[in-house]
Structure formats: structure tokens, C-alpha cells
C-alpha atoms as a PDB file:
ATOM      1  CA  MET A   1     -18.783  17.779  23.363  1.00  0.00           C
ATOM      2  CA  ASN A   2     -18.654  14.224  22.006  1.00  0.00           C
ATOM      3  CA  LEU A   3     -20.412  11.110  23.197  1.00  0.00           C
ATOM      4  CA  PRO A   4     -18.247   8.984  25.528  1.00  0.00           C
ATOM      5  CA  PHE A   5     -18.992   6.052  23.237  1.00  0.00           C
ATOM      6  CA  ASP A   6     -20.867   5.291  20.063  1.00  0.00           C
ATOM      7  CA  PRO A   7     -24.362   3.831  20.772  1.00  0.00           C
ATOM      8  CA  THR A   8     -24.141   1.851  17.523  1.00  0.00           C
ATOM      9  CA  THR A   9     -21.501  -0.355  19.156  1.00  0.00           C
ATOM     10  CA  LEU A  10     -24.010  -1.735  21.671  1.00  0.00           C
ATOM     11  CA  ASP A  11     -24.848  -5.413  21.210  1.00  0.00           C
ATOM     12  CA  SER A  12     -28.027  -6.438  19.417  1.00  0.00           C
ATOM     13  CA  VAL A  13     -29.684  -7.818  22.568  1.00  0.00           C
ATOM     14  CA  THR A  14     -29.359  -4.481  24.383  1.00  0.00           C
ATOM     15  CA  LEU A  15     -30.657  -2.587  21.365  1.00  0.00           C
ATOM     16  CA  ALA A  16     -33.609  -4.999  21.086  1.00  0.00           C
ATOM     17  CA  ILE A  17     -34.457  -4.461  24.771  1.00  0.00           C
ATOM     18  CA  LEU A  18     -34.300  -0.693  24.338  1.00  0.00           C
ATOM     19  CA  ALA A  19     -36.497  -0.875  21.222  1.00  0.00           C
ATOM     20  CA  ALA A  20     -39.004  -3.023  23.125  1.00  0.00           C
ATOM     21  CA  GLY A  21     -38.969  -0.442  25.903  1.00  0.00           C
ATOM     22  CA  MET A  22     -39.820   2.267  23.374  1.00  0.00           C
ATOM     23  CA  VAL A  23     -42.726   0.164  22.069  1.00  0.00           C
ATOM     24  CA  VAL A  24     -44.117  -0.272  25.592  1.00  0.00           C
ATOM     25  CA  THR A  25     -43.657   3.460  26.197  1.00  0.00           C
ATOM     26  CA  GLY A  26     -45.672   4.153  23.049  1.00  0.00           C
ATOM     27  CA  MET A  27     -48.453   1.803  24.160  1.00  0.00           C
ATOM     28  CA  ILE A  28     -48.735   3.434  27.583  1.00  0.00           C
ATOM     29  CA  SER A  29     -48.437   7.017  26.324  1.00  0.00           C
ATOM     30  CA  GLY A  30     -50.986   6.515  23.555  1.00  0.00           C
ATOM     31  CA  THR A  31     -53.494   4.875  25.885  1.00  0.00           C
ATOM     32  CA  LEU A  32     -53.088   7.640  28.487  1.00  0.00           C
ATOM     33  CA  ALA A  33     -53.477  10.337  25.834  1.00  0.00           C
ATOM     34  CA  GLY A  34     -56.917   9.010  24.961  1.00  0.00           C
ATOM     35  CA  LEU A  35     -57.888   7.816  28.421  1.00  0.00           C
ATOM     36  CA  LEU A  36     -57.105  10.746  30.698  1.00  0.00           C
ATOM     37  CA  GLY A  37     -56.341  13.560  28.294  1.00  0.00           C
ATOM     38  CA  VAL A  38     -53.039  14.093  30.120  1.00  0.00           C
ATOM     39  CA  GLY A  39     -50.804  13.762  27.079  1.00  0.00           C
ATOM     40  CA  GLY A  40     -48.456  10.833  26.565  1.00  0.00           C
ATOM     41  CA  GLY A  41     -45.475  13.128  27.118  1.00  0.00           C
ATOM     42  CA  ILE A  42     -45.923  12.855  30.871  1.00  0.00           C
ATOM     43  CA  VAL A  43     -44.746   9.231  30.451  1.00  0.00           C
ATOM     44  CA  ILE A  44     -42.393   9.643  27.491  1.00  0.00           C
ATOM     45  CA  VAL A  45     -40.202  12.417  28.931  1.00  0.00           C
ATOM     46  CA  PRO A  46     -38.956  10.633  32.078  1.00  0.00           C
ATOM     47  CA  VAL A  47     -38.581   7.286  30.271  1.00  0.00           C
ATOM     48  CA  LEU A  48     -36.561   8.824  27.437  1.00  0.00           C
ATOM     49  CA  PHE A  49     -34.457  10.786  29.897  1.00  0.00           C
ATOM     50  CA  TRP A  50     -33.459   7.605  31.717  1.00  0.00           C
ATOM     51  CA  VAL A  51     -32.836   5.722  28.457  1.00  0.00           C
ATOM     52  CA  LEU A  52     -30.646   8.506  27.117  1.00  0.00           C
ATOM     53  CA  GLN A  53     -28.640   8.489  30.318  1.00  0.00           C
ATOM     54  CA  THR A  54     -27.851   4.807  29.753  1.00  0.00           C
ATOM     55  CA  PHE A  55     -26.275   5.947  26.480  1.00  0.00           C
ATOM     56  CA  LYS A  56     -24.090   8.336  28.535  1.00  0.00           C
ATOM     57  CA  ILE A  57     -25.620  11.386  26.876  1.00  0.00           C
ATOM     58  CA  ALA A  58     -24.644  14.559  28.762  1.00  0.00           C
ATOM     59  CA  PRO A  59     -27.451  15.357  31.264  1.00  0.00           C
ATOM     60  CA  GLU A  60     -27.875  18.907  29.943  1.00  0.00           C
ATOM     61  CA  TYR A  61     -28.709  17.438  26.519  1.00  0.00           C
ATOM     62  CA  ALA A  62     -30.651  14.393  27.725  1.00  0.00           C
ATOM     63  CA  SER A  63     -33.402  16.645  29.119  1.00  0.00           C
ATOM     64  CA  HIS A  64     -33.731  18.602  25.873  1.00  0.00           C
ATOM     65  CA  LEU A  65     -33.711  15.414  23.790  1.00  0.00           C
ATOM     66  CA  ALA A  66     -36.402  13.807  25.949  1.00  0.00           C
ATOM     67  CA  VAL A  67     -38.688  16.856  25.797  1.00  0.00           C
ATOM     68  CA  ALA A  68     -38.197  17.480  22.061  1.00  0.00           C
ATOM     69  CA  THR A  69     -38.670  13.842  21.071  1.00  0.00           C
ATOM     70  CA  SER A  70     -41.762  13.634  23.270  1.00  0.00           C
ATOM     71  CA  LEU A  71     -43.269  16.635  21.478  1.00  0.00           C
ATOM     72  CA  ALA A  72     -42.561  14.956  18.123  1.00  0.00           C
ATOM     73  CA  THR A  73     -44.443  11.815  19.189  1.00  0.00           C
ATOM     74  CA  ILE A  74     -47.373  13.885  20.451  1.00  0.00           C
ATOM     75  CA  ILE A  75     -48.168  15.079  16.909  1.00  0.00           C
ATOM     76  CA  PRO A  76     -49.541  11.755  15.541  1.00  0.00           C
ATOM     77  CA  THR A  77     -50.935  10.769  18.954  1.00  0.00           C
ATOM     78  CA  SER A  78     -52.905  14.010  19.215  1.00  0.00           C
ATOM     79  CA  ILE A  79     -54.284  13.552  15.706  1.00  0.00           C
ATOM     80  CA  SER A  80     -55.435  10.035  16.542  1.00  0.00           C
ATOM     81  CA  SER A  81     -56.900  10.999  19.918  1.00  0.00           C
ATOM     82  CA  MET A  82     -58.581  14.111  18.469  1.00  0.00           C
ATOM     83  CA  ARG A  83     -60.267  12.096  15.720  1.00  0.00           C
ATOM     84  CA  ALA A  84     -61.525   9.536  18.236  1.00  0.00           C
ATOM     85  CA  HIS A  85     -62.967  12.202  20.550  1.00  0.00           C
ATOM     86  CA  ASN A  86     -64.393  14.192  17.648  1.00  0.00           C
ATOM     87  CA  LYS A  87     -66.441  11.160  16.608  1.00  0.00           C
ATOM     88  CA  ARG A  88     -68.002  11.277  20.079  1.00  0.00           C
ATOM     89  CA  GLY A  89     -68.676  15.004  19.763  1.00  0.00           C
ATOM     90  CA  THR A  90     -66.414  15.982  22.670  1.00  0.00           C
ATOM     91  CA  VAL A  91     -64.137  18.452  20.833  1.00  0.00           C
ATOM     92  CA  ASP A  92     -65.399  21.942  21.663  1.00  0.00           C
ATOM     93  CA  ARG A  93     -64.733  24.080  18.584  1.00  0.00           C
ATOM     94  CA  ASP A  94     -65.751  27.331  20.277  1.00  0.00           C
ATOM     95  CA  LEU A  95     -63.174  26.762  23.010  1.00  0.00           C
ATOM     96  CA  LEU A  96     -60.538  25.970  20.403  1.00  0.00           C
ATOM     97  CA  LYS A  97     -61.256  29.288  18.675  1.00  0.00           C
ATOM     98  CA  LEU A  98     -60.932  31.089  22.023  1.00  0.00           C
ATOM     99  CA  TRP A  99     -57.863  29.305  23.435  1.00  0.00           C
ATOM    100  CA  GLY A 100     -56.177  27.910  20.333  1.00  0.00           C
ATOM    101  CA  PRO A 101     -54.259  30.983  19.058  1.00  0.00           C
ATOM    102  CA  ALA A 102     -52.865  31.780  22.522  1.00  0.00           C
ATOM    103  CA  VAL A 103     -51.878  28.129  23.066  1.00  0.00           C
ATOM    104  CA  ILE A 104     -49.935  28.200  19.784  1.00  0.00           C
ATOM    105  CA  VAL A 105     -48.185  31.478  20.696  1.00  0.00           C
ATOM    106  CA  GLY A 106     -47.292  30.032  24.100  1.00  0.00           C
ATOM    107  CA  ALA A 107     -45.877  26.877  22.510  1.00  0.00           C
ATOM    108  CA  VAL A 108     -43.758  28.994  20.142  1.00  0.00           C
ATOM    109  CA  ILE A 109     -42.375  30.936  23.111  1.00  0.00           C
ATOM    110  CA  GLY A 110     -41.666  27.688  24.973  1.00  0.00           C
ATOM    111  CA  GLY A 111     -39.847  26.222  21.978  1.00  0.00           C
ATOM    112  CA  ALA A 112     -37.776  29.400  21.579  1.00  0.00           C
ATOM    113  CA  LEU A 113     -36.830  29.332  25.275  1.00  0.00           C
ATOM    114  CA  ALA A 114     -35.269  25.890  24.721  1.00  0.00           C
ATOM    115  CA  LYS A 115     -32.254  27.732  23.315  1.00  0.00           C
ATOM    116  CA  VAL A 116     -31.489  29.356  26.669  1.00  0.00           C
ATOM    117  CA  VAL A 117     -33.114  27.112  29.306  1.00  0.00           C
ATOM    118  CA  SER A 118     -30.722  24.616  30.905  1.00  0.00           C
ATOM    119  CA  GLY A 119     -31.296  20.889  31.229  1.00  0.00           C
ATOM    120  CA  ASP A 120     -31.556  21.223  35.018  1.00  0.00           C
ATOM    121  CA  SER A 121     -34.259  23.861  34.587  1.00  0.00           C
ATOM    122  CA  LEU A 122     -36.243  21.635  32.219  1.00  0.00           C
ATOM    123  CA  ARG A 123     -36.123  18.763  34.725  1.00  0.00           C
ATOM    124  CA  SER A 124     -37.167  21.108  37.540  1.00  0.00           C
ATOM    125  CA  ILE A 125     -40.121  22.421  35.515  1.00  0.00           C
ATOM    126  CA  PHE A 126     -41.211  18.871  34.720  1.00  0.00           C
ATOM    127  CA  GLY A 127     -40.769  17.691  38.304  1.00  0.00           C
ATOM    128  CA  VAL A 128     -42.580  20.577  40.003  1.00  0.00           C
ATOM    129  CA  VAL A 129     -45.491  20.731  37.566  1.00  0.00           C
ATOM    130  CA  GLY A 130     -45.706  16.922  37.538  1.00  0.00           C
ATOM    131  CA  LEU A 131     -46.059  16.809  41.320  1.00  0.00           C
ATOM    132  CA  LEU A 132     -48.717  19.547  41.252  1.00  0.00           C
ATOM    133  CA  VAL A 133     -50.677  17.625  38.621  1.00  0.00           C
ATOM    134  CA  ALA A 134     -50.374  14.423  40.678  1.00  0.00           C
ATOM    135  CA  ILE A 135     -51.648  16.185  43.808  1.00  0.00           C
ATOM    136  CA  ASN A 136     -54.559  17.609  41.833  1.00  0.00           C
ATOM    137  CA  MET A 137     -55.449  14.118  40.613  1.00  0.00           C
ATOM    138  CA  MET A 138     -55.360  12.731  44.166  1.00  0.00           C
ATOM    139  CA  ILE A 139     -57.796  15.306  45.540  1.00  0.00           C
ATOM    140  CA  PRO A 140     -61.202  13.563  45.740  1.00  0.00           C
ATOM    141  CA  LYS A 141     -63.193  16.679  44.920  1.00  0.00           C
ATOM    142  CA  THR A 142     -62.419  18.758  41.841  1.00  0.00           C
ATOM    143  CA  LEU A 143     -61.247  22.258  42.717  1.00  0.00           C
ATOM    144  CA  VAL A 144     -63.868  24.684  41.406  1.00  0.00           C
ATOM    145  CA  ILE A 145     -62.916  28.337  40.931  1.00  0.00           C
ATOM    146  CA  SER A 146     -65.993  29.412  38.989  1.00  0.00           C
ATOM    147  CA  GLU A 147     -69.134  28.024  37.429  1.00  0.00           C
ATOM    148  CA  HIS A 148     -67.984  29.184  33.984  1.00  0.00           C
ATOM    149  CA  LEU A 149     -64.913  30.318  32.062  1.00  0.00           C
ATOM    150  CA  PRO A 150     -63.718  33.923  32.590  1.00  0.00           C
ATOM    151  CA  SER A 151     -65.821  36.427  30.672  1.00  0.00           C
ATOM    152  CA  SER A 152     -62.735  38.356  29.576  1.00  0.00           C
ATOM    153  CA  ASN A 153     -61.159  37.088  26.351  1.00  0.00           C
ATOM    154  CA  TRP A 154     -57.782  38.440  27.489  1.00  0.00           C
ATOM    155  CA  ILE A 155     -57.863  36.405  30.710  1.00  0.00           C
ATOM    156  CA  ASN A 156     -58.675  33.317  28.651  1.00  0.00           C
ATOM    157  CA  ARG A 157     -55.769  34.062  26.337  1.00  0.00           C
ATOM    158  CA  VAL A 158     -53.351  34.499  29.224  1.00  0.00           C
ATOM    159  CA  ILE A 159     -54.441  31.160  30.725  1.00  0.00           C
ATOM    160  CA  ALA A 160     -54.094  29.415  27.361  1.00  0.00           C
ATOM    161  CA  GLY A 161     -50.725  31.063  26.663  1.00  0.00           C
ATOM    162  CA  VAL A 162     -49.271  29.933  29.988  1.00  0.00           C
ATOM    163  CA  ILE A 163     -50.512  26.395  29.325  1.00  0.00           C
ATOM    164  CA  GLY A 164     -48.794  26.496  25.913  1.00  0.00           C
ATOM    165  CA  ILE A 165     -45.456  27.724  27.324  1.00  0.00           C
ATOM    166  CA  ILE A 166     -45.243  25.239  30.195  1.00  0.00           C
ATOM    167  CA  SER A 167     -46.496  22.305  28.105  1.00  0.00           C
ATOM    168  CA  SER A 168     -43.913  23.008  25.391  1.00  0.00           C
ATOM    169  CA  LEU A 169     -41.074  23.196  27.920  1.00  0.00           C
ATOM    170  CA  MET A 170     -42.252  19.962  29.573  1.00  0.00           C
ATOM    171  CA  GLY A 171     -42.732  18.070  26.313  1.00  0.00           C
ATOM    172  CA  ILE A 172     -46.356  17.259  27.083  1.00  0.00           C
ATOM    173  CA  GLY A 173     -49.704  17.631  25.361  1.00  0.00           C
ATOM    174  CA  GLY A 174     -52.142  20.298  26.464  1.00  0.00           C
ATOM    175  CA  GLY A 175     -54.346  17.950  28.474  1.00  0.00           C
ATOM    176  CA  THR A 176     -52.054  17.675  31.494  1.00  0.00           C
ATOM    177  CA  LEU A 177     -52.659  21.312  32.345  1.00  0.00           C
ATOM    178  CA  SER A 178     -55.767  22.255  30.368  1.00  0.00           C
ATOM    179  CA  VAL A 179     -58.057  19.490  31.684  1.00  0.00           C
ATOM    180  CA  PRO A 180     -57.649  20.354  35.396  1.00  0.00           C
ATOM    181  CA  THR A 181     -57.785  24.069  34.528  1.00  0.00           C
ATOM    182  CA  LEU A 182     -61.013  23.673  32.567  1.00  0.00           C
ATOM    183  CA  SER A 183     -62.446  21.457  35.305  1.00  0.00           C
ATOM    184  CA  ALA A 184     -61.751  24.247  37.797  1.00  0.00           C
ATOM    185  CA  PHE A 185     -64.086  26.408  35.711  1.00  0.00           C
ATOM    186  CA  SER A 186     -66.772  23.702  35.727  1.00  0.00           C
ATOM    187  CA  PHE A 187     -66.159  22.752  32.104  1.00  0.00           C
ATOM    188  CA  PRO A 188     -67.588  19.261  31.320  1.00  0.00           C
ATOM    189  CA  VAL A 189     -64.755  16.773  31.812  1.00  0.00           C
ATOM    190  CA  HIS A 190     -65.350  14.725  28.656  1.00  0.00           C
ATOM    191  CA  ARG A 191     -65.374  17.880  26.534  1.00  0.00           C
ATOM    192  CA  ALA A 192     -62.254  19.077  28.330  1.00  0.00           C
ATOM    193  CA  VAL A 193     -60.428  15.821  27.535  1.00  0.00           C
ATOM    194  CA  GLY A 194     -61.596  15.805  23.915  1.00  0.00           C
ATOM    195  CA  THR A 195     -60.673  19.438  23.309  1.00  0.00           C
ATOM    196  CA  ALA A 196     -57.307  18.962  25.018  1.00  0.00           C
ATOM    197  CA  SER A 197     -56.386  16.372  22.390  1.00  0.00           C
ATOM    198  CA  ALA A 198     -56.644  19.098  19.738  1.00  0.00           C
ATOM    199  CA  MET A 199     -54.647  21.522  21.875  1.00  0.00           C
ATOM    200  CA  GLY A 200     -51.894  18.918  22.095  1.00  0.00           C
ATOM    201  CA  LEU A 201     -51.386  19.235  18.350  1.00  0.00           C
ATOM    202  CA  MET A 202     -51.286  23.027  18.620  1.00  0.00           C
ATOM    203  CA  ILE A 203     -48.552  22.735  21.244  1.00  0.00           C
ATOM    204  CA  ALA A 204     -46.489  19.960  19.685  1.00  0.00           C
ATOM    205  CA  ILE A 205     -45.894  21.368  16.194  1.00  0.00           C
ATOM    206  CA  PRO A 206     -44.461  24.795  17.139  1.00  0.00           C
ATOM    207  CA  GLY A 207     -42.697  23.243  20.141  1.00  0.00           C
ATOM    208  CA  VAL A 208     -40.909  20.700  17.949  1.00  0.00           C
ATOM    209  CA  ILE A 209     -39.844  23.393  15.504  1.00  0.00           C
ATOM    210  CA  GLY A 210     -38.377  25.418  18.371  1.00  0.00           C
ATOM    211  CA  PHE A 211     -36.428  22.464  19.788  1.00  0.00           C
ATOM    212  CA  ILE A 212     -35.118  21.509  16.338  1.00  0.00           C
ATOM    213  CA  TYR A 213     -33.820  25.043  15.883  1.00  0.00           C
ATOM    214  CA  ALA A 214     -32.354  25.127  19.405  1.00  0.00           C
ATOM    215  CA  GLY A 215     -30.441  21.886  18.807  1.00  0.00           C
ATOM    216  CA  LEU A 216     -28.973  22.671  15.390  1.00  0.00           C
ATOM    217  CA  GLY A 217     -25.188  22.583  15.499  1.00  0.00           C
ATOM    218  CA  VAL A 218     -25.053  21.183  19.037  1.00  0.00           C
ATOM    219  CA  GLU A 219     -22.330  18.542  19.423  1.00  0.00           C
ATOM    220  CA  GLY A 220     -22.662  15.394  21.497  1.00  0.00           C
ATOM    221  CA  LEU A 221     -26.177  14.429  20.393  1.00  0.00           C
ATOM    222  CA  PRO A 222     -27.100  10.840  19.431  1.00  0.00           C
ATOM    223  CA  PRO A 223     -26.826   9.741  15.798  1.00  0.00           C
ATOM    224  CA  ALA A 224     -29.844  10.518  13.569  1.00  0.00           C
ATOM    225  CA  SER A 225     -30.969  13.481  15.666  1.00  0.00           C
ATOM    226  CA  LEU A 226     -32.681  16.458  14.046  1.00  0.00           C
ATOM    227  CA  GLY A 227     -31.814  19.261  16.406  1.00  0.00           C
ATOM    228  CA  PHE A 228     -32.888  17.926  19.787  1.00  0.00           C
ATOM    229  CA  VAL A 229     -35.349  15.411  18.275  1.00  0.00           C
ATOM    230  CA  SER A 230     -34.181  11.779  18.290  1.00  0.00           C
ATOM    231  CA  ILE A 231     -35.586  10.442  15.022  1.00  0.00           C
ATOM    232  CA  PRO A 232     -35.198   6.687  15.864  1.00  0.00           C
ATOM    233  CA  ALA A 233     -37.023   7.066  19.199  1.00  0.00           C
ATOM    234  CA  ALA A 234     -39.785   9.143  17.608  1.00  0.00           C
ATOM    235  CA  LEU A 235     -40.222   6.631  14.769  1.00  0.00           C
ATOM    236  CA  ILE A 236     -40.663   3.756  17.233  1.00  0.00           C
ATOM    237  CA  ILE A 237     -42.937   5.490  19.750  1.00  0.00           C
ATOM    238  CA  SER A 238     -45.129   7.523  17.369  1.00  0.00           C
ATOM    239  CA  PRO A 239     -46.911   4.770  15.409  1.00  0.00           C
ATOM    240  CA  VAL A 240     -47.531   2.722  18.553  1.00  0.00           C
ATOM    241  CA  SER A 241     -48.955   5.762  20.389  1.00  0.00           C
ATOM    242  CA  TYR A 242     -51.110   6.551  17.372  1.00  0.00           C
ATOM    243  CA  LEU A 243     -52.617   3.066  17.366  1.00  0.00           C
ATOM    244  CA  PHE A 244     -53.311   2.967  21.101  1.00  0.00           C
ATOM    245  CA  ALA A 245     -54.798   6.474  21.538  1.00  0.00           C
ATOM    246  CA  PRO A 246     -58.266   5.430  20.225  1.00  0.00           C
ATOM    247  CA  GLN A 247     -58.256   2.514  22.670  1.00  0.00           C
ATOM    248  CA  GLY A 248     -57.661   4.950  25.510  1.00  0.00           C
ATOM    249  CA  ALA A 249     -60.489   7.179  24.295  1.00  0.00           C
ATOM    250  CA  LYS A 250     -62.786   4.145  24.220  1.00  0.00           C
ATOM    251  CA  LEU A 251     -61.766   3.150  27.756  1.00  0.00           C
ATOM    252  CA  ALA A 252     -62.362   6.722  28.977  1.00  0.00           C
ATOM    253  CA  HIS A 253     -66.099   6.156  28.545  1.00  0.00           C
ATOM    254  CA  ALA A 254     -66.132   2.749  30.229  1.00  0.00           C
ATOM    255  CA  LEU A 255     -63.777   2.633  33.236  1.00  0.00           C
ATOM    256  CA  ASN A 256     -63.796   4.078  36.733  1.00  0.00           C
ATOM    257  CA  GLN A 257     -61.982   7.388  36.279  1.00  0.00           C
ATOM    258  CA  ARG A 258     -61.319   7.869  40.004  1.00  0.00           C
ATOM    259  CA  VAL A 259     -59.296   4.662  40.359  1.00  0.00           C
ATOM    260  CA  LEU A 260     -57.390   5.327  37.155  1.00  0.00           C
ATOM    261  CA  LYS A 261     -56.509   8.850  38.261  1.00  0.00           C
ATOM    262  CA  LEU A 262     -55.209   7.637  41.621  1.00  0.00           C
ATOM    263  CA  VAL A 263     -52.993   4.995  40.014  1.00  0.00           C
ATOM    264  CA  PHE A 264     -51.637   7.463  37.490  1.00  0.00           C
ATOM    265  CA  ALA A 265     -51.128  10.127  40.170  1.00  0.00           C
ATOM    266  CA  LEU A 266     -48.956   7.680  42.124  1.00  0.00           C
ATOM    267  CA  PHE A 267     -46.917   6.883  39.024  1.00  0.00           C
ATOM    268  CA  LEU A 268     -46.556  10.577  38.202  1.00  0.00           C
ATOM    269  CA  SER A 269     -45.463  11.420  41.748  1.00  0.00           C
ATOM    270  CA  VAL A 270     -42.639   8.887  41.591  1.00  0.00           C
ATOM    271  CA  THR A 271     -41.439   9.925  38.124  1.00  0.00           C
ATOM    272  CA  ALA A 272     -41.639  13.653  38.940  1.00  0.00           C
ATOM    273  CA  ALA A 273     -39.666  13.144  42.151  1.00  0.00           C
ATOM    274  CA  ARG A 274     -37.002  11.159  40.299  1.00  0.00           C
ATOM    275  CA  MET A 275     -36.690  13.921  37.696  1.00  0.00           C
ATOM    276  CA  LEU A 276     -36.146  16.453  40.478  1.00  0.00           C
ATOM    277  CA  LEU A 277     -33.493  14.275  42.102  1.00  0.00           C
ATOM    278  CA  ALA A 278     -31.734  13.320  38.834  1.00  0.00           C
END
């Protein structure tokens, strides 16, 4: 399948507007990665999907491109956010040892599934999980399942593995799912957010590799794509996200988290619903 037209023929004004949009996306995603521990991908995926559609990219490929490129941008953002939280002592190394390997395995499985999962399925996964996350953020009282993490290492590994699979398929960092999950087990929220930044890196790297492999040889992708990763979009968003992640981490310790969560939950509800209806 070939592109209906060559994006390089677009006029300079349109390209400048799109580039500016990518910069703003990077600013928002980086700030959110540090601020709420939700992973900038929750913003990047729907924005990139809509941008790619303006280029007339086939919908079944636009979803894969958005998810894969989002994962690529999460790598530097997670590093930046992790360093900022580590300075504040909120990265729990014991939890990383417990959950980390299973998160990585889950992300590898998610990346491998990109070869067989359709674009409609990716949008449905993003939309449904996005709405569930938004609802969880709107609930005034944190859902508590237990006063501590499961005592069984295998149960912990299953939880972490599922988080890795879904996060990889959604193109998001680990915080979107791991923070509310950890909170449900009464894990301190600041440590949950800080540790989630490290999990984002564990998800993004194997996820990106899987989507690159899945997209090799696929026709109809934008110029300068590596598999399903759009290199130009990643190069614009990544450095901006990297710079703004520490600012989000700083704000996380200063602002009213309840108000921020409600505003973001509203935004996420709208974007998730639009992905489902796309």
C-alpha cells in the first residue's frame, strides 16, 4: 500500500505548524510523566494518531505508528524522570527487583503481538484502558485492595507482566497502570510515581524493538520510518519531553494533586472516547 500523497510536498507553513504541535506535545507529555507518573504516551498516542491521519496514512498503520513512536519518546523521558525522582529518594529498588523482570517480559510480549494485532484493536485497547484510568482518577477515594503487596512473588510477577503487555500495546509508560495498581495495595504514592518512571524505561525499550521488527518491510509508512517508529516525530518530541520531565517531578511535590488528576481525567476521557470512535 502506498501513501495517497507524499508528505514532503506539504507547504512549509503546514509543516511548521505540525512541528510546533509536536513540540507542544513533548512539553505536555514530559511534564505529565514527571507530575503524575502516568507516562507521556497517554498524550502522545492520540495526538500522533490524529496528526498521522492528516497525512492520509492508512488507519491500520496510523495506530501502530502512534504507539511505536510514543514508546520511542518514552525512553529519554523515563530516564529524565527517573533521575529526578531518584534524587528525591522515591525510586524503590526492592520493588524494581520484584516487578522489573516481569515488566520487561510483558513488554517483549506486547511488542511481539504488534505483528498480529490490528490497528482497530490497538485503538480499542487504548480507549478502554484510557477510560478505566480516567474513572480511577475521578474517584475521590483511592481503591484499596490490601494494606500491602501480595506475599506471593508469582502473583506480583503476573501483575507486573500484565502491566508490561498492556502498556507496550498502548504505547505508554508503566505509570499509567502501575501507579493506581500500587496505590490499591497501599503503596506510598510518591514512591509509586518515582518507581513507575523506571518501569517506563523497562517497557519502552523492548516495546520499541518489537514494533520496529513488526513494521519492517511494511509499505505505506511515512518517510524516515524505522519499522513503525516515525524518526522525525520522535526526534522532535523526545528532547522536549526530556527537558520538561524534571519540571513535572518538581511540580508533583508542590501542587494540589486532586485538582490536577481531575483535569487530566477529563482530558483522558475525551481522548480515549475519540480513539474508540475513530
